Amino acid sequence: MKILQTYTLLFFKIIVIFSALSLLAYLLISDLKTNLTETGNIQFTNVIPIENEIFKDFVYIEGQVLKPGKYELQEGMRIIDLLELAGNYTPEADVNYLNANLNLNEVITTNQKIFIPKKQDTNKTLININTASKQELDTLPGIGESTANKIIAGRPFKSIDELKDTQGVGESKFNQIKDFITIFP
């Protein structure tokens, strides 16, 4: 008799668990409300896009623009488009330097940083980290022969910020040299 009660109780627990799982599955499936399109593909009607910065790509513009900062990267965005978003140049911007060294029609890549220098900032010679010799890199503050070799090995750089990922160049050393380097010819 006791065995019969044990099996009955076990059977009852199985029925309750199965019923709960069935109800949960029904609620999940009915919440999706899928429809088949004419081509036979499934179309989800209740999918809401997630608006979250984690899934967006950004670009940065600094220096002599009216609204420096971080901007969402749009597909096919060019440097000239970013300049328009940033309110264009300030009167202090060295437009001659930019015309000679910046391709405004270049398509921007994710996390690229554009720096617009002041007229006086261009009096110093910027070192192109993609083309400089070991001796030229060695003239940068805090950069020795060993770090220069690591920079050369890490080429090409799409932005000067990528230099921070090079062994021997951390945030601190990067901040020392960022005003003296470029990736533009």
C-alpha atoms as a PDB file:
ATOM      1  CA  MET A   1       0.000   0.000   0.000  1.00  0.00           C
ATOM      2  CA  LYS A   2       2.831   2.367   0.881  1.00  0.00           C
ATOM      3  CA  ILE A   3       4.529   1.652  -2.481  1.00  0.00           C
ATOM      4  CA  LEU A   4       1.298   2.537  -4.300  1.00  0.00           C
ATOM      5  CA  GLN A   5       1.124   5.875  -2.466  1.00  0.00           C
ATOM      6  CA  THR A   6       4.763   6.627  -3.342  1.00  0.00           C
ATOM      7  CA  TYR A   7       4.171   5.905  -7.039  1.00  0.00           C
ATOM      8  CA  THR A   8       0.945   7.928  -7.023  1.00  0.00           C
ATOM      9  CA  LEU A   9       2.736  10.915  -5.469  1.00  0.00           C
ATOM     10  CA  LEU A  10       5.610  10.594  -7.959  1.00  0.00           C
ATOM     11  CA  PHE A  11       3.144  10.365 -10.853  1.00  0.00           C
ATOM     12  CA  PHE A  12       1.325  13.471  -9.581  1.00  0.00           C
ATOM     13  CA  LYS A  13       4.646  15.422  -9.367  1.00  0.00           C
ATOM     14  CA  ILE A  14       5.544  14.397 -12.927  1.00  0.00           C
ATOM     15  CA  ILE A  15       2.131  15.558 -14.202  1.00  0.00           C
ATOM     16  CA  VAL A  16       2.518  18.941 -12.425  1.00  0.00           C
ATOM     17  CA  ILE A  17       6.060  19.485 -13.779  1.00  0.00           C
ATOM     18  CA  PHE A  18       5.019  18.449 -17.308  1.00  0.00           C
ATOM     19  CA  SER A  19       2.008  20.789 -17.167  1.00  0.00           C
ATOM     20  CA  ALA A  20       4.151  23.696 -15.962  1.00  0.00           C
ATOM     21  CA  LEU A  21       6.722  23.126 -18.735  1.00  0.00           C
ATOM     22  CA  SER A  22       3.964  22.857 -21.355  1.00  0.00           C
ATOM     23  CA  LEU A  23       2.426  26.119 -20.183  1.00  0.00           C
ATOM     24  CA  LEU A  24       5.817  27.851 -20.246  1.00  0.00           C
ATOM     25  CA  ALA A  25       6.554  26.566 -23.769  1.00  0.00           C
ATOM     26  CA  TYR A  26       3.133  27.702 -24.970  1.00  0.00           C
ATOM     27  CA  LEU A  27       3.662  31.200 -23.557  1.00  0.00           C
ATOM     28  CA  LEU A  28       7.100  31.514 -25.124  1.00  0.00           C
ATOM     29  CA  ILE A  29       5.962  30.309 -28.534  1.00  0.00           C
ATOM     30  CA  SER A  30       2.795  32.397 -28.596  1.00  0.00           C
ATOM     31  CA  ASP A  31       4.773  35.502 -27.564  1.00  0.00           C
ATOM     32  CA  LEU A  32       7.002  35.285 -30.650  1.00  0.00           C
ATOM     33  CA  LYS A  33       3.993  35.467 -33.010  1.00  0.00           C
ATOM     34  CA  THR A  34       5.888  34.354 -36.074  1.00  0.00           C
ATOM     35  CA  ASN A  35       4.406  34.562 -39.539  1.00  0.00           C
ATOM     36  CA  LEU A  36       5.539  32.901 -42.727  1.00  0.00           C
ATOM     37  CA  THR A  37       6.210  35.300 -45.579  1.00  0.00           C
ATOM     38  CA  GLU A  38       5.365  34.511 -49.203  1.00  0.00           C
ATOM     39  CA  THR A  39       8.888  33.186 -49.744  1.00  0.00           C
ATOM     40  CA  GLY A  40       8.582  30.767 -46.839  1.00  0.00           C
ATOM     41  CA  ASN A  41      10.932  32.679 -44.549  1.00  0.00           C
ATOM     42  CA  ILE A  42       9.973  33.270 -40.949  1.00  0.00           C
ATOM     43  CA  GLN A  43       9.213  36.877 -40.097  1.00  0.00           C
ATOM     44  CA  PHE A  44       9.309  37.881 -36.419  1.00  0.00           C
ATOM     45  CA  THR A  45       6.721  40.567 -35.764  1.00  0.00           C
ATOM     46  CA  ASN A  46       7.509  41.375 -32.130  1.00  0.00           C
ATOM     47  CA  VAL A  47      11.266  41.868 -32.426  1.00  0.00           C
ATOM     48  CA  ILE A  48      12.285  45.275 -31.089  1.00  0.00           C
ATOM     49  CA  PRO A  49      15.764  46.519 -32.018  1.00  0.00           C
ATOM     50  CA  ILE A  50      18.039  47.173 -29.087  1.00  0.00           C
ATOM     51  CA  GLU A  51      19.283  50.756 -28.973  1.00  0.00           C
ATOM     52  CA  ASN A  52      22.488  50.369 -27.046  1.00  0.00           C
ATOM     53  CA  GLU A  53      25.918  51.992 -27.393  1.00  0.00           C
ATOM     54  CA  ILE A  54      27.569  48.583 -27.136  1.00  0.00           C
ATOM     55  CA  PHE A  55      26.342  47.720 -30.637  1.00  0.00           C
ATOM     56  CA  LYS A  56      27.269  51.037 -32.276  1.00  0.00           C
ATOM     57  CA  ASP A  57      30.509  52.113 -33.898  1.00  0.00           C
ATOM     58  CA  PHE A  58      31.993  55.510 -33.125  1.00  0.00           C
ATOM     59  CA  VAL A  59      34.549  57.944 -34.506  1.00  0.00           C
ATOM     60  CA  TYR A  60      36.244  60.840 -32.773  1.00  0.00           C
ATOM     61  CA  ILE A  61      37.185  64.324 -33.882  1.00  0.00           C
ATOM     62  CA  GLU A  62      39.288  66.632 -31.755  1.00  0.00           C
ATOM     63  CA  GLY A  63      41.196  69.856 -32.014  1.00  0.00           C
ATOM     64  CA  GLN A  64      40.019  72.908 -33.885  1.00  0.00           C
ATOM     65  CA  VAL A  65      36.379  72.055 -34.651  1.00  0.00           C
ATOM     66  CA  LEU A  66      33.314  73.732 -33.183  1.00  0.00           C
ATOM     67  CA  LYS A  67      31.891  70.545 -31.610  1.00  0.00           C
ATOM     68  CA  PRO A  68      34.728  68.087 -30.870  1.00  0.00           C
ATOM     69  CA  GLY A  69      33.805  64.681 -29.511  1.00  0.00           C
ATOM     70  CA  LYS A  70      32.464  61.212 -30.233  1.00  0.00           C
ATOM     71  CA  TYR A  71      30.071  60.633 -33.129  1.00  0.00           C
ATOM     72  CA  GLU A  72      28.199  57.537 -34.263  1.00  0.00           C
ATOM     73  CA  LEU A  73      29.785  56.090 -37.391  1.00  0.00           C
ATOM     74  CA  GLN A  74      27.397  55.797 -40.324  1.00  0.00           C
ATOM     75  CA  GLU A  75      28.157  53.411 -43.172  1.00  0.00           C
ATOM     76  CA  GLY A  76      30.264  55.118 -45.834  1.00  0.00           C
ATOM     77  CA  MET A  77      30.909  58.186 -43.664  1.00  0.00           C
ATOM     78  CA  ARG A  78      33.791  60.305 -44.934  1.00  0.00           C
ATOM     79  CA  ILE A  79      36.002  62.758 -43.062  1.00  0.00           C
ATOM     80  CA  ILE A  80      34.142  65.675 -44.628  1.00  0.00           C
ATOM     81  CA  ASP A  81      30.847  64.268 -43.265  1.00  0.00           C
ATOM     82  CA  LEU A  82      32.355  64.077 -39.783  1.00  0.00           C
ATOM     83  CA  LEU A  83      33.596  67.668 -40.083  1.00  0.00           C
ATOM     84  CA  GLU A  84      30.051  68.801 -40.922  1.00  0.00           C
ATOM     85  CA  LEU A  85      28.677  66.974 -37.865  1.00  0.00           C
ATOM     86  CA  ALA A  86      31.334  68.649 -35.727  1.00  0.00           C
ATOM     87  CA  GLY A  87      30.335  72.109 -36.954  1.00  0.00           C
ATOM     88  CA  ASN A  88      33.338  72.489 -39.278  1.00  0.00           C
ATOM     89  CA  TYR A  89      36.691  74.137 -38.525  1.00  0.00           C
ATOM     90  CA  THR A  90      37.297  76.940 -36.051  1.00  0.00           C
ATOM     91  CA  PRO A  91      39.088  80.063 -37.327  1.00  0.00           C
ATOM     92  CA  GLU A  92      42.251  78.825 -35.552  1.00  0.00           C
ATOM     93  CA  ALA A  93      42.429  75.620 -37.626  1.00  0.00           C
ATOM     94  CA  ASP A  94      45.336  75.293 -40.012  1.00  0.00           C
ATOM     95  CA  VAL A  95      43.374  74.734 -43.206  1.00  0.00           C
ATOM     96  CA  ASN A  96      46.507  74.804 -45.398  1.00  0.00           C
ATOM     97  CA  TYR A  97      48.025  71.921 -43.433  1.00  0.00           C
ATOM     98  CA  LEU A  98      44.763  69.976 -43.613  1.00  0.00           C
ATOM     99  CA  ASN A  99      44.392  70.499 -47.357  1.00  0.00           C
ATOM    100  CA  ALA A 100      47.919  69.200 -47.859  1.00  0.00           C
ATOM    101  CA  ASN A 101      47.725  66.264 -45.421  1.00  0.00           C
ATOM    102  CA  LEU A 102      44.116  65.161 -45.027  1.00  0.00           C
ATOM    103  CA  ASN A 103      41.952  63.474 -47.665  1.00  0.00           C
ATOM    104  CA  LEU A 104      38.472  64.779 -46.858  1.00  0.00           C
ATOM    105  CA  ASN A 105      36.888  62.079 -49.039  1.00  0.00           C
ATOM    106  CA  GLU A 106      38.522  59.230 -47.112  1.00  0.00           C
ATOM    107  CA  VAL A 107      36.001  56.769 -45.657  1.00  0.00           C
ATOM    108  CA  ILE A 108      36.283  56.637 -41.880  1.00  0.00           C
ATOM    109  CA  THR A 109      36.804  53.370 -39.983  1.00  0.00           C
ATOM    110  CA  THR A 110      35.518  52.354 -36.552  1.00  0.00           C
ATOM    111  CA  ASN A 111      37.151  54.176 -33.624  1.00  0.00           C
ATOM    112  CA  GLN A 112      39.219  56.354 -35.943  1.00  0.00           C
ATOM    113  CA  LYS A 113      40.307  59.636 -34.404  1.00  0.00           C
ATOM    114  CA  ILE A 114      40.705  62.786 -36.503  1.00  0.00           C
ATOM    115  CA  PHE A 115      42.733  65.664 -35.075  1.00  0.00           C
ATOM    116  CA  ILE A 116      42.413  69.175 -36.510  1.00  0.00           C
ATOM    117  CA  PRO A 117      45.524  71.169 -35.476  1.00  0.00           C
ATOM    118  CA  LYS A 118      45.878  74.884 -34.727  1.00  0.00           C
ATOM    119  CA  LYS A 119      47.922  76.986 -37.110  1.00  0.00           C
ATOM    120  CA  GLN A 120      50.762  77.149 -34.584  1.00  0.00           C
ATOM    121  CA  ASP A 121      50.599  73.379 -33.939  1.00  0.00           C
ATOM    122  CA  THR A 122      51.849  72.700 -37.449  1.00  0.00           C
ATOM    123  CA  ASN A 123      55.165  74.492 -36.924  1.00  0.00           C
ATOM    124  CA  LYS A 124      56.482  71.275 -35.431  1.00  0.00           C
ATOM    125  CA  THR A 125      57.135  68.410 -37.783  1.00  0.00           C
ATOM    126  CA  LEU A 126      54.793  65.490 -37.177  1.00  0.00           C
ATOM    127  CA  ILE A 127      56.287  62.024 -37.462  1.00  0.00           C
ATOM    128  CA  ASN A 128      54.270  59.532 -39.485  1.00  0.00           C
ATOM    129  CA  ILE A 129      54.296  56.335 -37.411  1.00  0.00           C
ATOM    130  CA  ASN A 130      53.513  54.259 -40.508  1.00  0.00           C
ATOM    131  CA  THR A 131      56.538  55.440 -42.527  1.00  0.00           C
ATOM    132  CA  ALA A 132      59.097  56.797 -40.048  1.00  0.00           C
ATOM    133  CA  SER A 133      62.491  55.184 -39.720  1.00  0.00           C
ATOM    134  CA  LYS A 134      63.738  53.765 -36.429  1.00  0.00           C
ATOM    135  CA  GLN A 135      65.929  56.875 -36.023  1.00  0.00           C
ATOM    136  CA  GLU A 136      62.947  59.216 -36.534  1.00  0.00           C
ATOM    137  CA  LEU A 137      60.814  57.291 -34.037  1.00  0.00           C
ATOM    138  CA  ASP A 138      63.714  57.407 -31.572  1.00  0.00           C
ATOM    139  CA  THR A 139      63.437  61.231 -31.498  1.00  0.00           C
ATOM    140  CA  LEU A 140      59.979  61.003 -29.868  1.00  0.00           C
ATOM    141  CA  PRO A 141      59.858  61.568 -26.092  1.00  0.00           C
ATOM    142  CA  GLY A 142      60.226  58.283 -24.207  1.00  0.00           C
ATOM    143  CA  ILE A 143      60.699  56.157 -27.342  1.00  0.00           C
ATOM    144  CA  GLY A 144      63.961  54.230 -27.548  1.00  0.00           C
ATOM    145  CA  GLU A 145      65.329  51.791 -30.091  1.00  0.00           C
ATOM    146  CA  SER A 146      63.447  48.812 -28.644  1.00  0.00           C
ATOM    147  CA  THR A 147      60.056  50.556 -28.652  1.00  0.00           C
ATOM    148  CA  ALA A 148      60.769  51.983 -32.123  1.00  0.00           C
ATOM    149  CA  ASN A 149      61.302  48.419 -33.385  1.00  0.00           C
ATOM    150  CA  LYS A 150      57.977  47.351 -31.836  1.00  0.00           C
ATOM    151  CA  ILE A 151      56.179  50.285 -33.475  1.00  0.00           C
ATOM    152  CA  ILE A 152      57.666  49.334 -36.855  1.00  0.00           C
ATOM    153  CA  ALA A 153      56.612  45.698 -36.335  1.00  0.00           C
ATOM    154  CA  GLY A 154      53.042  46.777 -35.497  1.00  0.00           C
ATOM    155  CA  ARG A 155      52.448  48.692 -38.729  1.00  0.00           C
ATOM    156  CA  PRO A 156      50.218  49.723 -40.393  1.00  0.00           C
ATOM    157  CA  PHE A 157      48.189  51.824 -37.952  1.00  0.00           C
ATOM    158  CA  LYS A 158      44.760  53.120 -38.990  1.00  0.00           C
ATOM    159  CA  SER A 159      44.751  55.713 -36.208  1.00  0.00           C
ATOM    160  CA  ILE A 160      47.352  57.005 -33.799  1.00  0.00           C
ATOM    161  CA  ASP A 161      45.276  55.539 -30.939  1.00  0.00           C
ATOM    162  CA  GLU A 162      46.176  52.025 -32.130  1.00  0.00           C
ATOM    163  CA  LEU A 163      49.725  52.795 -31.017  1.00  0.00           C
ATOM    164  CA  LYS A 164      48.597  52.345 -27.379  1.00  0.00           C
ATOM    165  CA  ASP A 165      48.204  48.604 -28.089  1.00  0.00           C
ATOM    166  CA  THR A 166      51.901  48.325 -28.982  1.00  0.00           C
ATOM    167  CA  GLN A 167      54.026  46.715 -26.278  1.00  0.00           C
ATOM    168  CA  GLY A 168      56.119  49.412 -24.612  1.00  0.00           C
ATOM    169  CA  VAL A 169      53.666  52.203 -25.468  1.00  0.00           C
ATOM    170  CA  GLY A 170      50.996  52.580 -22.835  1.00  0.00           C
ATOM    171  CA  GLU A 171      48.534  55.356 -22.116  1.00  0.00           C
ATOM    172  CA  SER A 172      51.190  57.458 -20.347  1.00  0.00           C
ATOM    173  CA  LYS A 173      53.812  57.248 -23.102  1.00  0.00           C
ATOM    174  CA  PHE A 174      51.144  57.737 -25.757  1.00  0.00           C
ATOM    175  CA  ASN A 175      50.047  60.986 -24.077  1.00  0.00           C
ATOM    176  CA  GLN A 176      53.677  62.194 -24.225  1.00  0.00           C
ATOM    177  CA  ILE A 177      53.985  61.644 -27.983  1.00  0.00           C
ATOM    178  CA  LYS A 178      50.471  62.057 -29.399  1.00  0.00           C
ATOM    179  CA  ASP A 179      51.059  65.700 -30.342  1.00  0.00           C
ATOM    180  CA  PHE A 180      54.154  64.763 -32.352  1.00  0.00           C
ATOM    181  CA  ILE A 181      52.796  61.845 -34.428  1.00  0.00           C
ATOM    182  CA  THR A 182      50.431  61.309 -37.317  1.00  0.00           C
ATOM    183  CA  ILE A 183      49.310  58.575 -39.698  1.00  0.00           C
ATOM    184  CA  PHE A 184      48.856  60.975 -42.580  1.00  0.00           C
ATOM    185  CA  PRO A 185      51.608  61.420 -45.165  1.00  0.00           C
END
